[in-house]
Protein backbone atom coordinates (compact mmCIF):
# COMPACT_ATOMS: atom_id res chain seq x y z
CA UNK A 1 118.10 213.61 143.33
CA UNK A 2 117.85 215.92 139.60
CA UNK A 3 116.00 212.18 137.81
CA UNK A 4 113.72 212.25 141.09
CA UNK A 5 112.34 216.35 140.93
CA UNK A 6 111.91 215.67 137.04
CA UNK A 7 109.72 212.16 137.85
CA UNK A 8 107.53 214.55 140.76
CA UNK A 9 106.67 217.93 137.83
CA UNK A 10 106.40 215.11 134.90
CA UNK A 11 104.10 213.25 137.40
CA UNK A 12 102.68 217.23 138.32
CA UNK A 13 102.00 218.19 135.46
CA UNK A 14 99.91 215.17 134.39
CA UNK A 15 97.36 215.86 137.48
CA UNK A 16 96.84 219.03 136.19
CA UNK A 17 96.30 217.40 132.82
CA UNK A 18 93.92 215.05 134.43
CA UNK A 19 91.55 217.44 136.25
CA UNK A 20 91.55 220.05 132.92
CA UNK A 21 88.24 220.27 131.88
CA UNK A 22 87.51 218.99 128.70
CA UNK A 23 87.42 220.79 125.93
CA UNK A 24 83.99 220.65 122.65
CA UNK A 25 85.44 220.21 119.23
CA UNK A 26 88.96 221.77 120.39
CA UNK A 27 87.18 224.81 121.39
CA UNK A 28 86.37 226.50 125.07
CA UNK A 29 86.53 224.09 128.12
CA UNK A 30 82.73 222.29 128.59
CA UNK A 31 80.77 223.85 132.10
CA UNK A 32 79.70 221.81 134.17
CA UNK A 33 76.24 221.37 135.00
CA UNK A 34 75.47 222.07 138.99
CA UNK A 35 74.32 218.37 140.22
CA UNK A 36 70.66 219.18 141.87
CA UNK A 37 72.28 218.11 145.22
CA UNK A 38 68.64 218.58 146.94
CA UNK A 39 68.09 214.42 145.13
CA UNK A 40 70.84 213.53 148.03
CA UNK A 41 68.84 213.86 151.13
CA UNK A 42 65.22 211.94 148.79
CA UNK A 43 65.02 208.93 149.73
CA UNK A 44 62.47 208.00 146.46
CA UNK A 45 65.47 209.60 144.24
CA UNK A 46 68.03 207.20 145.15
CA UNK A 47 65.79 204.60 145.17
CA UNK A 48 64.86 205.29 141.92
CA UNK A 49 68.85 205.56 140.47
CA UNK A 50 69.63 202.57 142.56
CA UNK A 51 67.08 200.62 140.11
CA UNK A 52 68.89 202.61 136.87
CA UNK A 53 72.14 201.68 138.34
CA UNK A 54 71.28 198.08 138.41
CA UNK A 55 69.56 198.32 135.36
CA UNK A 56 71.83 199.89 132.87
CA UNK A 57 74.98 200.11 133.77
CA UNK A 58 75.86 196.60 136.47
CA UNK A 59 76.19 194.64 133.07
CA UNK A 60 79.64 196.16 132.32
CA UNK A 61 80.36 198.04 135.17
CA UNK A 62 81.12 196.27 138.80
CA UNK A 63 80.46 198.17 142.32
CA UNK A 64 82.63 195.72 143.92
CA UNK A 65 82.81 197.30 147.29
CA UNK A 66 79.24 197.88 147.64
CA UNK A 67 76.97 195.21 148.90
CA UNK A 68 73.36 194.54 147.68
CA UNK A 69 72.03 194.73 151.46
CA UNK A 70 73.09 198.01 151.80
CA UNK A 71 70.22 199.18 149.26
CA UNK A 72 68.33 198.88 152.88
CA UNK A 73 69.75 202.33 153.95
CA UNK A 74 67.56 204.01 151.54
CA UNK A 75 64.86 202.53 152.30
CA UNK A 76 64.16 199.53 150.46
CA UNK A 77 63.31 195.80 152.19
CA UNK A 78 65.17 192.31 151.52
CA UNK A 79 62.22 191.37 149.16
CA UNK A 80 61.97 194.30 147.35
CA UNK A 81 66.15 193.94 146.12
CA UNK A 82 65.59 190.15 146.00
CA UNK A 83 62.06 190.89 143.61
CA UNK A 84 63.64 193.76 141.14
CA UNK A 85 67.46 194.55 141.61
CA UNK A 86 69.16 190.72 142.36
CA UNK A 87 70.35 190.24 138.62
CA UNK A 88 73.77 189.07 138.96
CA UNK A 89 73.61 187.03 141.98
CA UNK A 90 71.13 185.28 143.70
CA UNK A 91 71.97 186.39 147.29
CA UNK A 92 71.31 189.66 149.29
CA UNK A 93 74.76 190.05 151.19
CA UNK A 94 76.82 189.78 147.81
CA UNK A 95 78.57 192.33 146.21
CA UNK A 96 77.53 194.20 143.04
CA UNK A 97 80.29 192.29 140.71
CA UNK A 98 79.57 191.24 137.12
CA UNK A 99 80.50 188.41 135.24
CA UNK A 100 82.00 190.40 132.57
CA UNK A 101 85.69 189.27 132.28
CA UNK A 102 88.09 192.08 132.82
CA UNK A 103 90.46 190.19 130.03
CA UNK A 104 87.79 189.64 127.48
CA UNK A 105 86.26 193.31 128.48
CA UNK A 106 89.99 194.93 127.39
CA UNK A 107 90.17 192.58 123.94
CA UNK A 108 85.69 193.42 123.29
CA UNK A 109 85.89 196.96 124.38
CA UNK A 110 89.27 198.02 124.21
CA UNK A 111 89.72 199.22 127.71
CA UNK A 112 88.53 197.21 130.75
CA UNK A 113 85.06 199.32 132.48
CA UNK A 114 85.73 200.78 135.08
CA UNK A 115 84.49 199.70 138.72
CA UNK A 116 81.64 202.85 140.03
CA UNK A 117 81.64 202.20 143.24
CA UNK A 118 83.32 205.91 144.12
CA UNK A 119 83.59 207.08 140.51
CA UNK A 120 81.62 210.44 142.02
CA UNK A 121 84.31 210.84 144.42
CA UNK A 122 87.57 210.36 141.74
CA UNK A 123 86.03 212.55 139.16
CA UNK A 124 85.72 216.02 141.59
CA UNK A 125 88.13 218.73 140.53
CA UNK A 126 88.83 222.25 140.65
CA UNK A 127 86.41 222.64 137.64
CA UNK A 128 83.22 221.15 139.69
CA UNK A 129 82.68 218.13 142.37
CA UNK A 130 82.37 214.91 140.40
CA UNK A 131 79.21 214.52 140.89
CA UNK A 132 78.58 217.47 138.72
CA UNK A 133 80.98 216.26 136.10
CA UNK A 134 78.60 213.00 135.85
CA UNK A 135 75.54 214.60 135.84
CA UNK A 136 77.16 216.58 132.75
CA UNK A 137 79.00 213.55 131.00
CA UNK A 138 75.65 211.84 131.47
CA UNK A 139 73.78 214.39 129.67
CA UNK A 140 76.16 215.48 126.87
CA UNK A 141 76.22 212.44 124.75
CA UNK A 142 75.56 213.10 120.56
CA UNK A 143 75.13 210.69 117.94
CA UNK A 144 78.83 210.97 115.65
CA UNK A 145 79.10 208.46 112.78
CA UNK A 146 82.90 209.59 112.93
CA UNK A 147 83.24 207.49 116.03
CA UNK A 148 83.26 203.41 116.36
CA UNK A 149 80.43 203.44 118.91
CA UNK A 150 78.38 206.10 116.69
CA UNK A 151 78.50 208.38 119.53
CA UNK A 152 80.71 211.48 121.28
CA UNK A 153 79.88 213.23 124.23
CA UNK A 154 81.37 217.33 125.01
CA UNK A 155 82.80 216.45 128.80
CA UNK A 156 84.52 213.49 127.60
CA UNK A 157 85.11 214.05 123.92
CA UNK A 158 86.25 210.53 121.65
CA UNK A 159 84.22 208.49 124.77
CA UNK A 160 84.82 204.62 124.17
CA UNK A 161 81.15 203.73 126.31
CA UNK A 162 78.29 204.23 124.33
CA UNK A 163 74.94 205.97 125.22
CA UNK A 164 73.45 203.78 127.44
CA UNK A 165 70.94 205.80 128.03
CA UNK A 166 69.89 206.24 124.05
CA UNK A 167 66.48 204.96 124.68
CA UNK A 168 65.74 206.98 126.96
CA UNK A 169 66.95 210.19 126.06
CA UNK A 170 66.65 209.36 122.31
CA UNK A 171 68.94 210.57 119.65
CA UNK A 172 70.69 214.07 119.36
CA UNK A 173 73.62 215.59 117.23
CA UNK A 174 75.50 218.69 118.34
CA UNK A 175 75.91 221.65 116.15
CA UNK A 176 79.07 223.78 116.25
CA UNK A 177 80.24 227.26 115.48
CA UNK A 178 83.72 228.56 114.56
CA UNK A 179 84.64 231.38 116.48
CA UNK A 180 88.23 232.98 116.60
CA UNK A 181 91.07 232.23 119.20
CA UNK A 182 91.01 235.03 121.67
CA UNK A 183 94.28 234.32 122.04
CA UNK A 184 95.53 234.31 118.93
CA UNK A 185 93.02 235.59 116.14
CA UNK A 186 94.40 233.67 112.74
CA UNK A 187 93.12 230.49 114.33
CA UNK A 188 89.66 229.21 113.94
CA UNK A 189 88.37 226.68 116.79
CA UNK A 190 85.00 225.18 116.55
CA UNK A 191 82.87 225.53 119.95
CA UNK A 192 79.31 223.49 120.62
CA UNK A 193 76.46 226.38 120.31
CA UNK A 194 73.45 223.41 120.58
CA UNK A 195 72.03 220.56 120.16
CA UNK A 196 69.33 219.46 117.87
CA UNK A 197 66.66 216.41 118.38
CA UNK A 198 66.85 213.72 115.56
CA UNK A 199 65.35 211.22 117.12
CA UNK A 200 62.82 211.41 120.25
CA UNK A 201 63.33 209.28 123.64
CA UNK A 202 60.82 208.02 125.97
CA UNK A 203 61.28 210.36 128.20
CA UNK A 204 60.94 214.65 128.09
CA UNK A 205 64.25 216.45 128.38
CA UNK A 206 63.21 217.42 131.44
CA UNK A 207 62.56 213.89 132.35
CA UNK A 208 65.73 212.79 131.68
CA UNK A 209 67.52 215.49 133.69
CA UNK A 210 65.77 214.57 136.31
CA UNK A 211 66.13 210.56 136.04
CA UNK A 212 70.37 211.86 135.43
CA UNK A 213 69.97 213.51 139.12
CA UNK A 214 68.85 210.45 140.98
CA UNK A 215 71.00 207.98 139.11
CA UNK A 216 73.58 210.67 139.89
CA UNK A 217 72.74 210.84 143.28
CA UNK A 218 72.81 207.36 143.88
CA UNK A 219 76.38 206.74 142.80
CA UNK A 220 77.39 210.36 145.31
CA UNK A 221 75.81 208.37 147.87
CA UNK A 222 76.96 204.31 147.05
CA UNK A 223 81.11 206.54 147.27
CA UNK A 224 80.34 207.00 151.12
CA UNK A 225 76.84 205.17 152.09
CA UNK A 226 77.76 206.49 155.99
CA UNK A 227 77.99 210.40 153.83
CA UNK A 228 75.01 211.97 155.89
CA UNK A 229 75.54 210.34 159.33
CA UNK A 230 78.48 211.69 159.42
CA UNK A 231 77.91 214.93 158.74
CA UNK A 232 75.29 215.04 161.68
CA UNK A 233 77.43 213.44 163.89
CA UNK A 234 80.61 216.11 162.73
CA UNK A 235 77.52 219.15 163.94
CA UNK A 236 76.91 217.42 167.09
CA UNK A 237 80.56 217.00 167.62
CA UNK A 238 81.14 220.60 167.08
CA UNK A 239 78.84 221.84 169.56
CA UNK A 240 80.28 219.51 172.11
CA UNK A 241 84.25 221.30 171.68
CA UNK A 242 82.05 224.79 171.65
CA UNK A 243 80.52 224.13 174.54
CA UNK A 244 83.56 221.96 176.57
CA UNK A 245 85.98 225.21 175.35
CA UNK A 246 83.39 227.52 177.71
CA UNK A 247 83.85 224.98 180.23
CA UNK A 248 87.61 224.54 179.78
CA UNK A 249 88.41 228.63 179.56
CA UNK A 250 86.32 229.30 182.89
CA UNK A 251 87.64 225.96 184.76
CA UNK A 252 90.97 227.57 183.47
CA UNK A 253 90.02 231.26 185.39
CA UNK A 254 88.99 229.34 188.39
CA UNK A 255 92.50 227.46 188.63
CA UNK A 256 94.63 230.71 187.95
CA UNK A 257 92.68 233.48 189.56
CA UNK A 258 94.76 232.65 192.95
CA UNK A 259 97.79 232.84 191.48
CA UNK A 260 99.65 235.69 190.73
């Protein structure tokens, strides 16, 4: 019994550690930027996000629980999907798999690239939603020559994945400053101050933020394509329950009015 309780405590500790926000260079926790939720209701944004996902993510990362034909739910026709988004298969009804072998990927990359079907849901924590995390993560890459890939990330320090969107954003370096630890004045930590652009990208900073918002919106939608319908049905269900509650209350009063 004691071993069982100890294992539960260890598991709880591991969960809390996993949910703790990332720290930049050992400094303060990185504040997650708010994902622009209005993009979830923008069909054009979802379509642009699907295009970015297929072009930049679907080379290594699969979405093995999503079929290409579900993209019709965001306004794309079957022909548009065939002409613009089918690179890994010839059939619209196929799953979004990749040809990369998982065992070889682990040997080449050090770890198997995770499936992204529900990545937006799995990254939610007390620090923010999964969409907030992805929106921050994809926008906080910077050059770090001490890393094997040449890249590092504020939201995910020592990340193994290189910056796949670097052509769009360009190259930046992170500027850190030394600050005293508020809990121990003798201790000095490095806190993130700002980014410095080294090489420009194909997009301006505003355009890149908007593009990442489109991509994250698509990832959020892909995690639960019926989310919009579920919310609409939920409203009607609550309205029905409210009306039915009033009817049931009046019926109860009518049934028991002659009972003393």
